[in-house]
PDB file of N, CA and C in Angstrom:
ATOM      1  N   MET A   1     162.324  58.055 282.037  1.00  0.00           N
ATOM      2  CA  MET A   1     162.723  58.560 283.337  1.00  0.00           C
ATOM      3  C   MET A   1     161.761  58.050 284.397  1.00  0.00           C
ATOM      4  N   LYS A   2     162.320  57.815 285.557  1.00  0.00           N
ATOM      5  CA  LYS A   2     161.513  57.354 286.680  1.00  0.00           C
ATOM      6  C   LYS A   2     161.132  58.540 287.560  1.00  0.00           C
ATOM      7  N   ASN A   3     159.923  58.492 288.055  1.00  0.00           N
ATOM      8  CA  ASN A   3     159.438  59.518 288.966  1.00  0.00           C
ATOM      9  C   ASN A   3     158.673  58.808 290.068  1.00  0.00           C
ATOM     10  N   SER A   4     159.241  58.709 291.237  1.00  0.00           N
ATOM     11  CA  SER A   4     158.640  57.920 292.306  1.00  0.00           C
ATOM     12  C   SER A   4     157.414  58.591 292.914  1.00  0.00           C
ATOM     13  N   THR A   5     157.240  59.879 292.714  1.00  0.00           N
ATOM     14  CA  THR A   5     156.106  60.568 293.329  1.00  0.00           C
ATOM     15  C   THR A   5     154.870  60.579 292.448  1.00  0.00           C
ATOM     16  N   TRP A   6     154.946  60.052 291.259  1.00  0.00           N
ATOM     17  CA  TRP A   6     153.803  60.070 290.342  1.00  0.00           C
ATOM     18  C   TRP A   6     152.739  59.098 290.809  1.00  0.00           C
ATOM     19  N   PRO A   7     151.466  59.519 290.869  1.00  0.00           N
ATOM     20  CA  PRO A   7     150.422  58.597 291.305  1.00  0.00           C
ATOM     21  C   PRO A   7     150.208  57.488 290.284  1.00  0.00           C
ATOM     22  N   GLY A   8     149.865  56.346 290.764  1.00  0.00           N
ATOM     23  CA  GLY A   8     149.611  55.225 289.882  1.00  0.00           C
ATOM     24  C   GLY A   8     150.495  54.051 290.209  1.00  0.00           C
ATOM     25  N   GLY A   9     151.535  54.258 290.974  1.00  0.00           N
ATOM     26  CA  GLY A   9     152.341  53.176 291.483  1.00  0.00           C
ATOM     27  C   GLY A   9     153.434  52.661 290.576  1.00  0.00           C
ATOM     28  N   SER A  10     153.359  52.886 289.271  1.00  0.00           N
ATOM     29  CA  SER A  10     154.367  52.305 288.381  1.00  0.00           C
ATOM     30  C   SER A  10     155.668  53.096 288.421  1.00  0.00           C
ATOM     31  N   GLY A  11     155.611  54.343 288.824  1.00  0.00           N
ATOM     32  CA  GLY A  11     156.806  55.157 288.895  1.00  0.00           C
ATOM     33  C   GLY A  11     157.213  55.747 287.562  1.00  0.00           C
ATOM     34  N   GLU A  12     156.478  55.465 286.510  1.00  0.00           N
ATOM     35  CA  GLU A  12     156.814  56.008 285.195  1.00  0.00           C
ATOM     36  C   GLU A  12     155.968  57.242 284.922  1.00  0.00           C
ATOM     37  N   ARG A  13     156.544  58.164 284.201  1.00  0.00           N
ATOM     38  CA  ARG A  13     155.786  59.361 283.817  1.00  0.00           C
ATOM     39  C   ARG A  13     154.788  58.994 282.735  1.00  0.00           C
ATOM     40  N   ARG A  14     153.662  59.623 282.814  1.00  0.00           N
ATOM     41  CA  ARG A  14     152.642  59.393 281.793  1.00  0.00           C
ATOM     42  C   ARG A  14     152.458  60.673 281.018  1.00  0.00           C
ATOM     43  N   ARG A  15     152.179  60.530 279.755  1.00  0.00           N
ATOM     44  CA  ARG A  15     151.931  61.698 278.915  1.00  0.00           C
ATOM     45  C   ARG A  15     150.475  61.700 278.489  1.00  0.00           C
ATOM     46  N   SER A  16     149.933  62.880 278.407  1.00  0.00           N
ATOM     47  CA  SER A  16     148.573  62.990 277.911  1.00  0.00           C
ATOM     48  C   SER A  16     148.633  63.511 276.479  1.00  0.00           C
ATOM     49  N   LEU A  17     147.632  63.173 275.725  1.00  0.00           N
ATOM     50  CA  LEU A  17     147.575  63.631 274.343  1.00  0.00           C
ATOM     51  C   LEU A  17     147.332  65.126 274.296  1.00  0.00           C
ATOM     52  N   LYS A  18     147.753  65.739 273.215  1.00  0.00           N
ATOM     53  CA  LYS A  18     147.523  67.175 273.058  1.00  0.00           C
ATOM     54  C   LYS A  18     146.042  67.486 272.935  1.00  0.00           C
ATOM     55  N   THR A  19     145.287  66.514 272.475  1.00  0.00           N
ATOM     56  CA  THR A  19     143.847  66.740 272.327  1.00  0.00           C
ATOM     57  C   THR A  19     143.105  66.628 273.656  1.00  0.00           C
ATOM     58  N   ALA A  20     143.776  66.132 274.700  1.00  0.00           N
ATOM     59  CA  ALA A  20     143.110  65.984 275.991  1.00  0.00           C
ATOM     60  C   ALA A  20     142.677  67.340 276.540  1.00  0.00           C
ATOM     61  N   ALA A  21     143.498  68.364 276.355  1.00  0.00           N
ATOM     62  CA  ALA A  21     143.143  69.701 276.835  1.00  0.00           C
ATOM     63  C   ALA A  21     141.935  70.241 276.080  1.00  0.00           C
ATOM     64  N   VAL A  22     141.859  69.975 274.800  1.00  0.00           N
ATOM     65  CA  VAL A  22     140.717  70.424 273.998  1.00  0.00           C
ATOM     66  C   VAL A  22     139.457  69.695 274.439  1.00  0.00           C
ATOM     67  N   TYR A  23     139.584  68.401 274.685  1.00  0.00           N
ATOM     68  CA  TYR A  23     138.445  67.611 275.136  1.00  0.00           C
ATOM     69  C   TYR A  23     137.956  68.097 276.496  1.00  0.00           C
ATOM     70  N   LEU A  24     138.882  68.346 277.416  1.00  0.00           N
ATOM     71  CA  LEU A  24     138.517  68.839 278.736  1.00  0.00           C
ATOM     72  C   LEU A  24     137.826  70.192 278.643  1.00  0.00           C
ATOM     73  N   ALA A  25     138.329  71.065 277.792  1.00  0.00           N
ATOM     74  CA  ALA A  25     137.703  72.380 277.606  1.00  0.00           C
ATOM     75  C   ALA A  25     136.282  72.243 277.060  1.00  0.00           C
ATOM     76  N   ALA A  26     136.082  71.298 276.148  1.00  0.00           N
ATOM     77  CA  ALA A  26     134.748  71.086 275.576  1.00  0.00           C
ATOM     78  C   ALA A  26     133.778  70.559 276.628  1.00  0.00           C
ATOM     79  N   VAL A  27     134.243  69.650 277.472  1.00  0.00           N
ATOM     80  CA  VAL A  27     133.385  69.104 278.526  1.00  0.00           C
ATOM     81  C   VAL A  27     133.015  70.196 279.524  1.00  0.00           C
ATOM     82  N   LEU A  28     133.986  71.002 279.920  1.00  0.00           N
ATOM     83  CA  LEU A  28     133.710  72.089 280.858  1.00  0.00           C
ATOM     84  C   LEU A  28     132.770  73.125 280.254  1.00  0.00           C
ATOM     85  N   GLU A  29     132.941  73.414 278.973  1.00  0.00           N
ATOM     86  CA  GLU A  29     132.049  74.360 278.301  1.00  0.00           C
ATOM     87  C   GLU A  29     130.616  73.837 278.300  1.00  0.00           C
ATOM     88  N   TYR A  30     130.451  72.545 278.037  1.00  0.00           N
ATOM     89  CA  TYR A  30     129.120  71.945 278.032  1.00  0.00           C
ATOM     90  C   TYR A  30     128.481  72.027 279.420  1.00  0.00           C
ATOM     91  N   LEU A  31     129.265  71.686 280.463  1.00  0.00           N
ATOM     92  CA  LEU A  31     128.721  71.708 281.816  1.00  0.00           C
ATOM     93  C   LEU A  31     128.300  73.117 282.240  1.00  0.00           C
ATOM     94  N   VAL A  32     129.122  74.097 281.907  1.00  0.00           N
ATOM     95  CA  VAL A  32     128.795  75.486 282.263  1.00  0.00           C
ATOM     96  C   VAL A  32     127.572  75.956 281.481  1.00  0.00           C
ATOM     97  N   ALA A  33     127.506  75.615 280.197  1.00  0.00           N
ATOM     98  CA  ALA A  33     126.344  76.014 279.391  1.00  0.00           C
ATOM     99  C   ALA A  33     125.064  75.394 279.933  1.00  0.00           C
ATOM    100  N   GLU A  34     125.123  74.135 280.335  1.00  0.00           N
ATOM    101  CA  GLU A  34     123.953  73.453 280.897  1.00  0.00           C
ATOM    102  C   GLU A  34     123.537  74.107 282.216  1.00  0.00           C
ATOM    103  N   LEU A  35     124.510  74.435 283.053  1.00  0.00           N
ATOM    104  CA  LEU A  35     124.215  75.061 284.337  1.00  0.00           C
ATOM    105  C   LEU A  35     123.626  76.453 284.158  1.00  0.00           C
ATOM    106  N   ILE A  36     124.171  77.228 283.234  1.00  0.00           N
ATOM    107  CA  ILE A  36     123.652  78.577 282.979  1.00  0.00           C
ATOM    108  C   ILE A  36     122.246  78.511 282.386  1.00  0.00           C
ATOM    109  N   GLU A  37     122.014  77.557 281.507  1.00  0.00           N
ATOM    110  CA  GLU A  37     120.685  77.432 280.896  1.00  0.00           C
ATOM    111  C   GLU A  37     119.629  77.088 281.938  1.00  0.00           C
ATOM    112  N   THR A  38     119.914  76.086 282.777  1.00  0.00           N
ATOM    113  CA  THR A  38     118.923  75.708 283.780  1.00  0.00           C
ATOM    114  C   THR A  38     118.760  76.799 284.848  1.00  0.00           C
ATOM    115  N   SER A  39     119.848  77.503 285.155  1.00  0.00           N
ATOM    116  CA  SER A  39     119.748  78.626 286.096  1.00  0.00           C
ATOM    117  C   SER A  39     118.894  79.736 285.511  1.00  0.00           C
ATOM    118  N   GLY A  40     119.030  79.972 284.220  1.00  0.00           N
ATOM    119  CA  GLY A  40     118.211  80.976 283.547  1.00  0.00           C
ATOM    120  C   GLY A  40     116.739  80.646 283.597  1.00  0.00           C
ATOM    121  N   TRP A  41     116.419  79.354 283.420  1.00  0.00           N
ATOM    122  CA  TRP A  41     115.015  78.944 283.499  1.00  0.00           C
ATOM    123  C   TRP A  41     114.465  79.117 284.908  1.00  0.00           C
ATOM    124  N   GLU A  42     115.309  78.861 285.921  1.00  0.00           N
ATOM    125  CA  GLU A  42     114.872  79.084 287.306  1.00  0.00           C
ATOM    126  C   GLU A  42     114.607  80.566 287.559  1.00  0.00           C
ATOM    127  N   ALA A  43     115.450  81.427 287.003  1.00  0.00           N
ATOM    128  CA  ALA A  43     115.251  82.871 287.164  1.00  0.00           C
ATOM    129  C   ALA A  43     113.978  83.316 286.451  1.00  0.00           C
ATOM    130  N   ILE A  44     113.724  82.770 285.281  1.00  0.00           N
ATOM    131  CA  ILE A  44     112.514  83.127 284.526  1.00  0.00           C
ATOM    132  C   ILE A  44     111.263  82.702 285.288  1.00  0.00           C
ATOM    133  N   LYS A  45     111.317  81.539 285.953  1.00  0.00           N
ATOM    134  CA  LYS A  45     110.172  81.096 286.756  1.00  0.00           C
ATOM    135  C   LYS A  45     109.813  82.117 287.831  1.00  0.00           C
ATOM    136  N   GLU A  46     110.826  82.768 288.386  1.00  0.00           N
ATOM    137  CA  GLU A  46     110.613  83.774 289.423  1.00  0.00           C
ATOM    138  C   GLU A  46     110.425  85.173 288.840  1.00  0.00           C
ATOM    139  N   GLN A  47     110.307  85.268 287.531  1.00  0.00           N
ATOM    140  CA  GLN A  47     110.110  86.522 286.803  1.00  0.00           C
ATOM    141  C   GLN A  47     111.258  87.501 287.040  1.00  0.00           C
ATOM    142  N   LYS A  48     112.488  86.980 287.013  1.00  0.00           N
ATOM    143  CA  LYS A  48     113.691  87.795 287.155  1.00  0.00           C
ATOM    144  C   LYS A  48     114.517  87.701 285.878  1.00  0.00           C
ATOM    145  N   LYS A  49     115.305  88.726 285.629  1.00  0.00           N
ATOM    146  CA  LYS A  49     116.132  88.761 284.430  1.00  0.00           C
ATOM    147  C   LYS A  49     117.601  88.465 284.732  1.00  0.00           C
ATOM    148  N   ARG A  50     117.961  88.461 285.993  1.00  0.00           N
ATOM    149  CA  ARG A  50     119.358  88.271 286.382  1.00  0.00           C
ATOM    150  C   ARG A  50     119.517  86.927 287.094  1.00  0.00           C
ATOM    151  N   ILE A  51     120.554  86.194 286.727  1.00  0.00           N
ATOM    152  CA  ILE A  51     120.840  84.917 287.374  1.00  0.00           C
ATOM    153  C   ILE A  51     121.695  85.203 288.611  1.00  0.00           C
ATOM    154  N   THR A  52     121.177  84.840 289.767  1.00  0.00           N
ATOM    155  CA  THR A  52     121.904  85.004 291.018  1.00  0.00           C
ATOM    156  C   THR A  52     122.340  83.623 291.508  1.00  0.00           C
ATOM    157  N   PRO A  53     123.220  83.572 292.501  1.00  0.00           N
ATOM    158  CA  PRO A  53     123.633  82.265 293.027  1.00  0.00           C
ATOM    159  C   PRO A  53     122.464  81.420 293.519  1.00  0.00           C
ATOM    160  N   ARG A  54     121.410  82.051 293.951  1.00  0.00           N
ATOM    161  CA  ARG A  54     120.218  81.320 294.404  1.00  0.00           C
ATOM    162  C   ARG A  54     119.642  80.465 293.274  1.00  0.00           C
ATOM    163  N   TYR A  55     119.569  81.027 292.082  1.00  0.00           N
ATOM    164  CA  TYR A  55     119.008  80.296 290.954  1.00  0.00           C
ATOM    165  C   TYR A  55     119.955  79.194 290.480  1.00  0.00           C
ATOM    166  N   VAL A  56     121.247  79.411 290.661  1.00  0.00           N
ATOM    167  CA  VAL A  56     122.210  78.356 290.341  1.00  0.00           C
ATOM    168  C   VAL A  56     121.989  77.175 291.279  1.00  0.00           C
ATOM    169  N   MET A  57     121.817  77.459 292.579  1.00  0.00           N
ATOM    170  CA  MET A  57     121.577  76.394 293.545  1.00  0.00           C
ATOM    171  C   MET A  57     120.274  75.656 293.242  1.00  0.00           C
ATOM    172  N   LEU A  58     119.232  76.394 292.927  1.00  0.00           N
ATOM    173  CA  LEU A  58     117.954  75.756 292.605  1.00  0.00           C
ATOM    174  C   LEU A  58     118.065  74.896 291.351  1.00  0.00           C
ATOM    175  N   ALA A  59     118.819  75.375 290.366  1.00  0.00           N
ATOM    176  CA  ALA A  59     119.002  74.601 289.141  1.00  0.00           C
ATOM    177  C   ALA A  59     119.748  73.307 289.417  1.00  0.00           C
ATOM    178  N   VAL A  60     120.767  73.377 290.247  1.00  0.00           N
ATOM    179  CA  VAL A  60     121.522  72.163 290.596  1.00  0.00           C
ATOM    180  C   VAL A  60     120.631  71.191 291.347  1.00  0.00           C
ATOM    181  N   ASN A  61     119.817  71.687 292.255  1.00  0.00           N
ATOM    182  CA  ASN A  61     118.959  70.812 293.050  1.00  0.00           C
ATOM    183  C   ASN A  61     117.835  70.179 292.235  1.00  0.00           C
ATOM    184  N   HIS A  62     117.419  70.795 291.145  1.00  0.00           N
ATOM    185  CA  HIS A  62     116.345  70.236 290.334  1.00  0.00           C
ATOM    186  C   HIS A  62     116.836  69.307 289.233  1.00  0.00           C
ATOM    187  N   ASP A  63     118.119  69.295 288.969  1.00  0.00           N
ATOM    188  CA  ASP A  63     118.687  68.453 287.918  1.00  0.00           C
ATOM    189  C   ASP A  63     119.426  67.288 288.569  1.00  0.00           C
ATOM    190  N   LYS A  64     118.967  66.064 288.321  1.00  0.00           N
ATOM    191  CA  LYS A  64     119.549  64.884 288.954  1.00  0.00           C
ATOM    192  C   LYS A  64     121.022  64.712 288.600  1.00  0.00           C
ATOM    193  N   GLU A  65     121.369  64.965 287.363  1.00  0.00           N
ATOM    194  CA  GLU A  65     122.758  64.773 286.935  1.00  0.00           C
ATOM    195  C   GLU A  65     123.678  65.820 287.558  1.00  0.00           C
ATOM    196  N   MET A  66     123.221  67.071 287.636  1.00  0.00           N
ATOM    197  CA  MET A  66     124.029  68.110 288.272  1.00  0.00           C
ATOM    198  C   MET A  66     124.144  67.859 289.770  1.00  0.00           C
ATOM    199  N   LEU A  67     123.080  67.354 290.377  1.00  0.00           N
ATOM    200  CA  LEU A  67     123.112  67.062 291.802  1.00  0.00           C
ATOM    201  C   LEU A  67     124.094  65.933 292.094  1.00  0.00           C
ATOM    202  N   ALA A  68     124.220  64.981 291.162  1.00  0.00           N
ATOM    203  CA  ALA A  68     125.207  63.912 291.332  1.00  0.00           C
ATOM    204  C   ALA A  68     126.627  64.467 291.194  1.00  0.00           C
ATOM    205  N   LEU A  69     126.801  65.450 290.328  1.00  0.00           N
ATOM    206  CA  LEU A  69     128.116  66.056 290.126  1.00  0.00           C
ATOM    207  C   LEU A  69     128.486  66.994 291.270  1.00  0.00           C
ATOM    208  N   LEU A  70     127.506  67.715 291.788  1.00  0.00           N
ATOM    209  CA  LEU A  70     127.716  68.676 292.876  1.00  0.00           C
ATOM    210  C   LEU A  70     126.848  68.277 294.066  1.00  0.00           C
ATOM    211  N   PRO A  71     127.261  67.283 294.851  1.00  0.00           N
ATOM    212  CA  PRO A  71     126.406  66.807 295.951  1.00  0.00           C
ATOM    213  C   PRO A  71     126.100  67.912 296.949  1.00  0.00           C
ATOM    214  N   GLN A  72     124.894  67.896 297.448  1.00  0.00           N
ATOM    215  CA  GLN A  72     124.396  68.997 298.250  1.00  0.00           C
ATOM    216  C   GLN A  72     125.156  69.194 299.556  1.00  0.00           C
ATOM    217  N   GLY A  73     125.524  68.151 300.247  1.00  0.00           N
ATOM    218  CA  GLY A  73     126.212  68.301 301.510  1.00  0.00           C
ATOM    219  C   GLY A  73     127.686  68.653 301.373  1.00  0.00           C
ATOM    220  N   LYS A  74     128.233  68.483 300.183  1.00  0.00           N
ATOM    221  CA  LYS A  74     129.669  68.680 300.001  1.00  0.00           C
ATOM    222  C   LYS A  74     130.017  69.953 299.238  1.00  0.00           C
ATOM    223  N   VAL A  75     129.077  70.524 298.516  1.00  0.00           N
ATOM    224  CA  VAL A  75     129.325  71.725 297.724  1.00  0.00           C
ATOM    225  C   VAL A  75     128.487  72.870 298.285  1.00  0.00           C
ATOM    226  N   ILE A  76     129.147  73.972 298.552  1.00  0.00           N
ATOM    227  CA  ILE A  76     128.454  75.152 299.067  1.00  0.00           C
ATOM    228  C   ILE A  76     128.547  76.248 298.009  1.00  0.00           C
ATOM    229  N   ILE A  77     127.404  76.780 297.620  1.00  0.00           N
ATOM    230  CA  ILE A  77     127.360  77.887 296.668  1.00  0.00           C
ATOM    231  C   ILE A  77     127.196  79.162 297.485  1.00  0.00           C
ATOM    232  N   ALA A  78     128.184  80.031 297.401  1.00  0.00           N
ATOM    233  CA  ALA A  78     128.192  81.248 298.217  1.00  0.00           C
ATOM    234  C   ALA A  78     127.001  82.137 297.895  1.00  0.00           C
ATOM    235  N   GLN A  79     126.378  82.675 298.921  1.00  0.00           N
ATOM    236  CA  GLN A  79     125.255  83.598 298.848  1.00  0.00           C
ATOM    237  C   GLN A  79     124.049  83.038 298.104  1.00  0.00           C
ATOM    238  N   ALA A  80     123.882  81.713 298.167  1.00  0.00           N
ATOM    239  CA  ALA A  80     122.742  81.092 297.506  1.00  0.00           C
ATOM    240  C   ALA A  80     121.559  80.951 298.437  1.00  0.00           C
ATOM    241  N   GLY A  81     121.758  81.211 299.713  1.00  0.00           N
ATOM    242  CA  GLY A  81     120.666  81.094 300.655  1.00  0.00           C
ATOM    243  C   GLY A  81     120.522  79.674 301.157  1.00  0.00           C
ATOM    244  N   VAL A  82     119.474  79.473 301.934  1.00  0.00           N
ATOM    245  CA  VAL A  82     119.210  78.165 302.516  1.00  0.00           C
ATOM    246  C   VAL A  82     118.224  77.441 301.627  1.00  0.00           C
ATOM    247  N   GLY A  83     118.543  76.216 301.294  1.00  0.00           N
ATOM    248  CA  GLY A  83     117.637  75.421 300.475  1.00  0.00           C
ATOM    249  C   GLY A  83     116.634  74.697 301.349  1.00  0.00           C
ATOM    250  N   LEU A  84     115.378  74.873 301.088  1.00  0.00           N
ATOM    251  CA  LEU A  84     114.351  74.180 301.844  1.00  0.00           C
ATOM    252  C   LEU A  84     114.235  72.752 301.337  1.00  0.00           C
ATOM    253  N   LYS A  85     113.882  71.848 302.218  1.00  0.00           N
ATOM    254  CA  LYS A  85     113.787  70.449 301.819  1.00  0.00           C
ATOM    255  C   LYS A  85     112.701  70.242 300.762  1.00  0.00           C
ATOM    256  N   LEU A  86     111.655  71.036 300.825  1.00  0.00           N
ATOM    257  CA  LEU A  86     110.601  70.923 299.822  1.00  0.00           C
ATOM    258  C   LEU A  86     111.119  71.315 298.444  1.00  0.00           C
ATOM    259  N   LEU A  87     111.995  72.314 298.389  1.00  0.00           N
ATOM    260  CA  LEU A  87     112.539  72.741 297.111  1.00  0.00           C
ATOM    261  C   LEU A  87     113.573  71.763 296.587  1.00  0.00           C
ATOM    262  N   MET A  88     114.332  71.163 297.502  1.00  0.00           N
ATOM    263  CA  MET A  88     115.416  70.282 297.084  1.00  0.00           C
ATOM    264  C   MET A  88     114.923  68.922 296.636  1.00  0.00           C
ATOM    265  N   ASN A  89     113.872  68.426 297.279  1.00  0.00           N
ATOM    266  CA  ASN A  89     113.383  67.105 296.940  1.00  0.00           C
ATOM    267  C   ASN A  89     111.859  67.134 296.919  1.00  0.00           C
ATOM    268  N   PRO A  90     111.284  67.670 295.850  1.00  0.00           N
ATOM    269  CA  PRO A  90     109.829  67.825 295.825  1.00  0.00           C
ATOM    270  C   PRO A  90     109.087  66.493 295.843  1.00  0.00           C
ATOM    271  N   SER A  91     109.710  65.414 295.407  1.00  0.00           N
ATOM    272  CA  SER A  91     109.024  64.124 295.374  1.00  0.00           C
ATOM    273  C   SER A  91     108.795  63.587 296.775  1.00  0.00           C
ATOM    274  N   SER A  92     109.705  63.859 297.719  1.00  0.00           N
ATOM    275  CA  SER A  92     109.542  63.349 299.081  1.00  0.00           C
ATOM    276  C   SER A  92     108.419  64.075 299.809  1.00  0.00           C
ATOM    277  N   ALA A  93     108.180  65.332 299.460  1.00  0.00           N
ATOM    278  CA  ALA A  93     107.126  66.097 300.118  1.00  0.00           C
ATOM    279  C   ALA A  93     105.745  65.611 299.706  1.00  0.00           C
ATOM    280  N   SER A  94     105.622  65.095 298.505  1.00  0.00           N
ATOM    281  CA  SER A  94     104.314  64.664 298.027  1.00  0.00           C
ATOM    282  C   SER A  94     104.020  63.207 298.368  1.00  0.00           C
ATOM    283  N   LYS A  95     104.975  62.433 298.829  1.00  0.00           N
ATOM    284  CA  LYS A  95     104.753  61.024 299.119  1.00  0.00           C
ATOM    285  C   LYS A  95     103.760  60.787 300.245  1.00  0.00           C
ATOM    286  N   PRO A  96     103.867  61.472 301.393  1.00  0.00           N
ATOM    287  CA  PRO A  96     102.885  61.212 302.446  1.00  0.00           C
ATOM    288  C   PRO A  96     101.464  61.533 302.011  1.00  0.00           C
ATOM    289  N   ALA A  97     101.280  62.589 301.257  1.00  0.00           N
ATOM    290  CA  ALA A  97      99.945  62.941 300.779  1.00  0.00           C
ATOM    291  C   ALA A  97      99.429  61.865 299.826  1.00  0.00           C
ATOM    292  N   MET A  98     100.294  61.349 298.996  1.00  0.00           N
ATOM    293  CA  MET A  98      99.894  60.307 298.048  1.00  0.00           C
ATOM    294  C   MET A  98      99.532  59.028 298.804  1.00  0.00           C
ATOM    295  N   GLU A  99     100.284  58.687 299.872  1.00  0.00           N
ATOM    296  CA  GLU A  99      99.991  57.481 300.640  1.00  0.00           C
ATOM    297  C   GLU A  99      98.634  57.594 301.319  1.00  0.00           C
ATOM    298  N   ASN A 100      98.310  58.780 301.842  1.00  0.00           N
ATOM    299  CA  ASN A 100      97.011  58.984 302.482  1.00  0.00           C
ATOM    300  C   ASN A 100      95.885  58.818 301.478  1.00  0.00           C
ATOM    301  N   GLU A 101      96.069  59.326 300.264  1.00  0.00           N
ATOM    302  CA  GLU A 101      95.062  59.189 299.228  1.00  0.00           C
ATOM    303  C   GLU A 101      94.869  57.727 298.847  1.00  0.00           C
ATOM    304  N   ASP A 102      95.971  56.966 298.788  1.00  0.00           N
ATOM    305  CA  ASP A 102      95.888  55.549 298.450  1.00  0.00           C
ATOM    306  C   ASP A 102      95.118  54.783 299.529  1.00  0.00           C
ATOM    307  N   LYS A 103      95.373  55.113 300.811  1.00  0.00           N
ATOM    308  CA  LYS A 103      94.682  54.439 301.897  1.00  0.00           C
ATOM    309  C   LYS A 103      93.196  54.744 301.849  1.00  0.00           C
ATOM    310  N   GLU A 104      92.834  56.000 301.571  1.00  0.00           N
ATOM    311  CA  GLU A 104      91.436  56.387 301.499  1.00  0.00           C
ATOM    312  C   GLU A 104      90.737  55.696 300.340  1.00  0.00           C
ATOM    313  N   SER A 105      91.419  55.566 299.206  1.00  0.00           N
ATOM    314  CA  SER A 105      90.798  54.927 298.048  1.00  0.00           C
ATOM    315  C   SER A 105      90.617  53.433 298.276  1.00  0.00           C
ATOM    316  N   LYS A 106      91.509  52.800 299.051  1.00  0.00           N
ATOM    317  CA  LYS A 106      91.393  51.370 299.351  1.00  0.00           C
ATOM    318  C   LYS A 106      90.239  51.100 300.304  1.00  0.00           C
ATOM    319  N   GLU A 107      89.991  52.048 301.214  1.00  0.00           N
ATOM    320  CA  GLU A 107      88.922  51.871 302.187  1.00  0.00           C
ATOM    321  C   GLU A 107      87.557  51.943 301.537  1.00  0.00           C
ATOM    322  N   GLU A 108      87.424  52.651 300.447  1.00  0.00           N
ATOM    323  CA  GLU A 108      86.128  52.817 299.774  1.00  0.00           C
ATOM    324  C   GLU A 108      85.773  51.616 299.017  1.00  0.00           C
TER     325      GLU A 108
END
């Protein structure tokens, strides 16, 4: 059968395997487990027992792979608060201090 509204341009219907739903569920389960685990570690750092949206946001910002999946400017986590630039990108905050130290060591 032809279906002109189907994306892909060929106009033919495509079928997915029955295992595709199982695979998708497994991938989503892994992503959620990873997010909950890293959020839990963020909560433990703050000596809290409950994971709040704030810790989810901090976990996403500290994990490069999660940050690529959930870009900061495009994804908003409700009631997570405002992310400080120092918390979101700790490497950029330490660069100027490191450059000053390098200049001082070269002068000696």
